[in-house]
Amino acid sequence: MSAVGLPARIVYAVAAVPLGAAAGFYTSMEVLPHFAEGHPGLDPARDGSGIFHAALFAGLASALTLGLLALTLPWIRHRKRRGRGWRVAVSGVAVLVLSVVFADEGYGLVSDLVFVAWLTYTLAFTFVRYGVIDQHRRPTAPKEDY
């Protein structure tokens, strides 16, 4: 197994997801109470539930981002990588569906646009650009010495 083969990348992702979730959650739990003093809409009930839900979302976002980054190692862009069309289509459908679900939860337009921008950027520069599945390499003919 190579250090960048699919099994190794799966192991990296399994390790990166909980680390990303914990880092995003605990960082948000530390920062958001100070931010909520100036923005009462963040925690309208003033019981901490709004901050907790925002921290959960930040943890999930960082876990997804780090998981995709780990799955798409190494970050070497192959020019003639096949399958890019279906990856763009799958990513577009995922962004559209998740944006509708996010907007249906009652979040504002700005929050929905920030979510869509983050998700689009994350999918475009991980899944779409690099792909997850190992590509079979064509065997190259050995060079002859003259």
Protein backbone atom coordinates (compact mmCIF):
# COMPACT_ATOMS: atom_id res chain seq x y z
CA MET A 1 0.00 0.00 0.00
CA SER A 2 1.47 3.34 -1.00
CA ALA A 3 1.26 6.42 1.20
CA VAL A 4 -1.21 8.03 -1.21
CA GLY A 5 -3.20 4.99 -2.35
CA LEU A 6 -6.93 4.82 -1.77
CA PRO A 7 -6.71 2.61 1.38
CA ALA A 8 -4.20 5.02 2.93
CA ARG A 9 -6.36 8.02 2.06
CA ILE A 10 -9.37 6.35 3.68
CA VAL A 11 -7.33 5.89 6.86
CA TYR A 12 -6.30 9.56 6.68
CA ALA A 13 -9.94 10.59 6.28
CA VAL A 14 -11.07 8.41 9.19
CA ALA A 15 -8.45 10.17 11.35
CA ALA A 16 -9.12 13.66 9.94
CA VAL A 17 -12.91 13.70 10.39
CA PRO A 18 -13.02 13.50 14.21
CA LEU A 19 -10.02 15.82 14.51
CA GLY A 20 -11.68 18.38 12.25
CA ALA A 21 -15.00 18.06 14.06
CA ALA A 22 -13.39 18.55 17.47
CA ALA A 23 -11.24 21.46 16.30
CA GLY A 24 -14.18 23.26 14.67
CA PHE A 25 -16.56 22.64 17.57
CA TYR A 26 -14.25 23.62 20.41
CA THR A 27 -12.85 26.63 18.57
CA SER A 28 -16.39 27.85 17.91
CA MET A 29 -17.44 27.24 21.50
CA GLU A 30 -14.52 29.41 22.60
CA VAL A 31 -15.03 32.24 20.08
CA LEU A 32 -18.81 32.45 19.59
CA PRO A 33 -19.79 33.56 23.13
CA HIS A 34 -17.64 36.67 22.69
CA PHE A 35 -19.12 37.23 19.23
CA ALA A 36 -22.71 36.75 20.47
CA GLU A 37 -22.49 39.78 22.77
CA GLY A 38 -22.56 42.09 19.76
CA HIS A 39 -24.91 39.94 17.67
CA PRO A 40 -28.03 38.98 19.66
CA GLY A 41 -29.49 37.10 16.67
CA LEU A 42 -26.88 34.38 17.12
CA ASP A 43 -28.43 33.22 20.41
CA PRO A 44 -31.93 34.73 20.58
CA ALA A 45 -33.08 32.67 23.60
CA ARG A 46 -29.92 33.64 25.53
CA ASP A 47 -29.64 30.08 26.84
CA GLY A 48 -26.61 29.05 24.78
CA SER A 49 -28.51 26.77 22.40
CA GLY A 50 -27.87 29.02 19.39
CA ILE A 51 -24.15 29.07 20.10
CA PHE A 52 -24.17 25.30 20.58
CA HIS A 53 -25.94 24.71 17.25
CA ALA A 54 -23.57 27.11 15.45
CA ALA A 55 -20.59 25.29 16.98
CA LEU A 56 -22.00 21.93 15.89
CA PHE A 57 -22.36 23.24 12.35
CA ALA A 58 -18.80 24.61 12.40
CA GLY A 59 -17.54 21.23 13.61
CA LEU A 60 -19.42 19.39 10.87
CA ALA A 61 -18.15 21.83 8.24
CA SER A 62 -14.53 21.45 9.29
CA ALA A 63 -14.91 17.66 9.52
CA LEU A 64 -16.30 17.48 5.98
CA THR A 65 -13.58 19.77 4.65
CA LEU A 66 -10.73 17.85 6.26
CA GLY A 67 -12.26 14.50 5.28
CA LEU A 68 -12.44 15.53 1.62
CA LEU A 69 -8.93 16.94 1.74
CA ALA A 70 -7.63 13.65 3.15
CA LEU A 71 -9.50 11.58 0.55
CA THR A 72 -8.13 13.58 -2.35
CA LEU A 73 -4.43 13.24 -1.49
CA PRO A 74 -2.00 13.76 -3.23
CA TRP A 75 -2.88 17.16 -4.56
CA ILE A 76 -1.33 16.61 -7.94
CA ARG A 77 -3.56 17.66 -10.77
CA HIS A 78 -3.57 15.30 -13.71
CA ARG A 79 -4.49 17.16 -16.88
CA LYS A 80 -6.34 14.33 -18.61
CA ARG A 81 -8.17 12.97 -15.58
CA ARG A 82 -11.27 11.13 -16.73
CA GLY A 83 -14.65 11.38 -15.05
CA ARG A 84 -14.58 15.10 -14.38
CA GLY A 85 -17.96 15.66 -16.03
CA TRP A 86 -19.85 13.32 -13.74
CA ARG A 87 -18.01 14.71 -10.70
CA VAL A 88 -19.13 18.23 -11.65
CA ALA A 89 -22.71 17.00 -12.10
CA VAL A 90 -22.76 15.14 -8.77
CA SER A 91 -21.26 18.14 -6.98
CA GLY A 92 -23.75 20.53 -8.57
CA VAL A 93 -26.71 18.38 -7.55
CA ALA A 94 -25.31 18.00 -4.03
CA VAL A 95 -24.84 21.77 -3.67
CA LEU A 96 -28.34 22.46 -4.99
CA VAL A 97 -30.06 19.90 -2.75
CA LEU A 98 -28.13 20.85 0.37
CA SER A 99 -28.73 24.55 -0.30
CA VAL A 100 -32.48 23.97 -0.51
CA VAL A 101 -32.39 21.90 2.69
CA PHE A 102 -30.34 24.60 4.44
CA ALA A 103 -32.68 27.39 3.27
CA ASP A 104 -35.73 25.36 4.31
CA GLU A 105 -34.41 25.30 7.88
CA GLY A 106 -35.20 29.01 8.10
CA TYR A 107 -31.73 30.53 7.84
CA GLY A 108 -31.34 33.90 6.17
CA LEU A 109 -30.21 34.57 2.64
CA VAL A 110 -26.70 35.61 3.68
CA SER A 111 -26.23 32.43 5.72
CA ASP A 112 -27.44 30.34 2.80
CA LEU A 113 -25.08 32.09 0.39
CA VAL A 114 -22.13 31.60 2.74
CA PHE A 115 -23.01 27.90 3.09
CA VAL A 116 -23.33 27.46 -0.68
CA ALA A 117 -20.05 29.28 -1.32
CA TRP A 118 -18.19 27.15 1.24
CA LEU A 119 -19.68 23.89 -0.08
CA THR A 120 -19.03 24.79 -3.71
CA TYR A 121 -15.44 25.78 -2.99
CA THR A 122 -14.80 22.63 -0.93
CA LEU A 123 -16.25 20.27 -3.54
CA ALA A 124 -14.67 22.07 -6.49
CA PHE A 125 -11.15 22.02 -5.13
CA THR A 126 -11.26 18.51 -3.70
CA PHE A 127 -13.71 16.09 -5.29
CA VAL A 128 -14.08 17.75 -8.71
CA ARG A 129 -10.50 18.80 -9.28
CA TYR A 130 -8.63 15.80 -7.93
CA GLY A 131 -11.15 12.97 -7.62
CA VAL A 132 -11.20 10.22 -5.03
CA ILE A 133 -10.82 6.96 -6.95
CA ASP A 134 -7.35 5.85 -7.97
CA GLN A 135 -6.84 6.03 -11.72
CA HIS A 136 -5.21 3.14 -13.49
CA ARG A 137 -1.99 4.34 -15.01
CA ARG A 138 -1.01 3.30 -18.48
CA PRO A 139 2.21 1.34 -18.47
CA THR A 140 4.98 3.29 -20.08
CA ALA A 141 7.43 1.64 -22.37
CA PRO A 142 10.95 1.48 -20.91
CA LYS A 143 13.41 3.83 -22.54
CA GLU A 144 16.18 2.20 -24.45
CA ASP A 145 19.73 3.40 -24.08
CA TYR A 146 21.50 4.02 -27.35
